[in-house]
N, C-alpha and C. Protein backbone atom coordinates (compact mmCIF):
# COMPACT_ATOMS: atom_id res chain seq x y z
N UNK A 1 40.46 -124.31 -85.52
CA UNK A 1 39.62 -123.94 -86.39
C UNK A 1 39.52 -125.36 -87.53
N UNK A 2 38.42 -125.56 -87.94
CA UNK A 2 38.44 -126.71 -88.80
C UNK A 2 38.12 -126.19 -90.24
N UNK A 3 38.24 -126.85 -91.23
CA UNK A 3 38.12 -126.47 -92.72
C UNK A 3 36.74 -126.20 -93.29
N UNK A 4 35.99 -125.80 -92.37
CA UNK A 4 34.45 -125.44 -92.70
C UNK A 4 34.04 -123.92 -92.58
N UNK A 5 32.97 -123.69 -93.33
CA UNK A 5 32.56 -122.25 -93.27
C UNK A 5 31.04 -122.63 -93.25
N UNK A 6 30.41 -121.89 -92.15
CA UNK A 6 28.89 -122.12 -92.23
C UNK A 6 28.17 -121.11 -93.11
N UNK A 7 27.13 -121.58 -93.81
CA UNK A 7 26.65 -120.85 -94.73
C UNK A 7 25.04 -121.09 -94.51
N UNK A 8 24.37 -119.95 -94.28
CA UNK A 8 22.58 -120.01 -94.25
C UNK A 8 22.10 -120.60 -95.36
N UNK A 9 21.11 -121.87 -95.25
CA UNK A 9 20.95 -122.30 -96.35
C UNK A 9 19.60 -121.45 -97.10
N UNK A 10 19.13 -120.39 -96.36
CA UNK A 10 17.94 -119.46 -96.92
C UNK A 10 18.46 -119.06 -98.31
N UNK A 11 17.49 -119.50 -99.32
CA UNK A 11 17.99 -118.98 -100.76
C UNK A 11 18.91 -119.52 -101.35
N UNK A 12 19.81 -120.49 -100.89
CA UNK A 12 20.65 -121.19 -101.51
C UNK A 12 20.49 -122.61 -101.52
N UNK A 13 20.71 -123.46 -102.66
CA UNK A 13 20.85 -124.65 -102.61
C UNK A 13 22.09 -125.45 -102.93
N UNK A 14 22.67 -125.77 -101.85
CA UNK A 14 24.02 -126.46 -101.66
C UNK A 14 24.02 -127.75 -101.05
N UNK A 15 24.69 -128.70 -101.67
CA UNK A 15 24.49 -130.06 -100.94
C UNK A 15 25.90 -130.26 -100.44
N UNK A 16 26.20 -131.10 -99.37
CA UNK A 16 27.49 -131.25 -98.71
C UNK A 16 28.24 -131.62 -99.67
N UNK A 17 29.49 -131.06 -99.63
CA UNK A 17 30.67 -131.21 -100.68
C UNK A 17 30.67 -130.21 -101.84
N UNK A 18 29.69 -129.49 -101.93
CA UNK A 18 29.69 -128.53 -103.07
C UNK A 18 30.62 -127.58 -102.72
N UNK A 19 31.38 -126.99 -103.75
CA UNK A 19 32.09 -125.87 -103.73
C UNK A 19 31.23 -124.53 -104.08
N UNK A 20 31.48 -123.25 -103.28
CA UNK A 20 30.92 -122.15 -103.91
C UNK A 20 31.92 -121.01 -103.48
N UNK A 21 31.55 -120.12 -104.36
CA UNK A 21 32.38 -118.71 -103.68
C UNK A 21 31.53 -118.01 -102.64
N UNK A 22 32.35 -117.88 -101.53
CA UNK A 22 31.58 -117.24 -100.59
C UNK A 22 32.47 -115.91 -99.87
N UNK A 23 31.51 -115.02 -99.18
CA UNK A 23 32.32 -113.74 -98.62
C UNK A 23 31.94 -114.20 -97.13
N UNK A 24 33.24 -114.17 -96.46
CA UNK A 24 33.38 -114.51 -94.99
C UNK A 24 32.58 -113.10 -94.19
N UNK A 25 31.49 -113.25 -93.42
CA UNK A 25 30.95 -112.44 -92.79
C UNK A 25 31.06 -112.31 -91.34
N UNK A 26 31.72 -113.29 -90.61
CA UNK A 26 31.80 -113.13 -89.45
C UNK A 26 32.99 -114.30 -89.15
N UNK A 27 33.91 -114.19 -88.12
CA UNK A 27 34.63 -115.08 -87.57
C UNK A 27 34.37 -115.33 -85.80
N UNK A 28 34.08 -116.27 -85.68
CA UNK A 28 33.68 -116.74 -84.25
C UNK A 28 35.09 -117.39 -83.95
N UNK A 29 35.07 -117.97 -82.56
CA UNK A 29 36.15 -118.57 -81.92
C UNK A 29 36.76 -119.81 -82.51
N UNK A 30 35.80 -120.52 -83.02
CA UNK A 30 36.20 -121.80 -83.65
C UNK A 30 35.75 -122.02 -85.29
N UNK A 31 34.85 -120.97 -85.65
CA UNK A 31 34.22 -121.25 -86.76
C UNK A 31 34.19 -119.91 -87.77
N UNK A 32 34.15 -119.73 -89.11
CA UNK A 32 33.75 -118.96 -90.08
C UNK A 32 32.36 -119.04 -90.64
N UNK A 33 31.70 -118.03 -90.64
CA UNK A 33 30.33 -117.86 -91.20
C UNK A 33 30.17 -116.81 -92.28
N UNK A 34 29.60 -117.29 -93.62
CA UNK A 34 29.80 -116.68 -94.96
C UNK A 34 28.55 -116.77 -95.49
N UNK A 35 28.74 -116.15 -96.72
CA UNK A 35 27.55 -115.78 -97.50
C UNK A 35 27.75 -116.06 -98.99
N UNK A 36 26.91 -116.74 -99.83
CA UNK A 36 27.33 -117.13 -101.04
C UNK A 36 27.24 -115.82 -101.83
N UNK A 37 27.99 -115.75 -102.78
CA UNK A 37 28.17 -114.54 -103.95
C UNK A 37 28.07 -115.39 -105.12
N UNK A 38 27.40 -114.57 -105.95
CA UNK A 38 27.50 -114.91 -107.51
C UNK A 38 26.36 -116.02 -107.74
């Protein structure tokens, strides 16, 4: 597992390197998937 969380870009404006509060919604074999909260 690397230090990344996949976040769908729909409705979010995030640039590479930005920090955001996220809620983890899914754990895959080698990745985490989340959504921006707040």
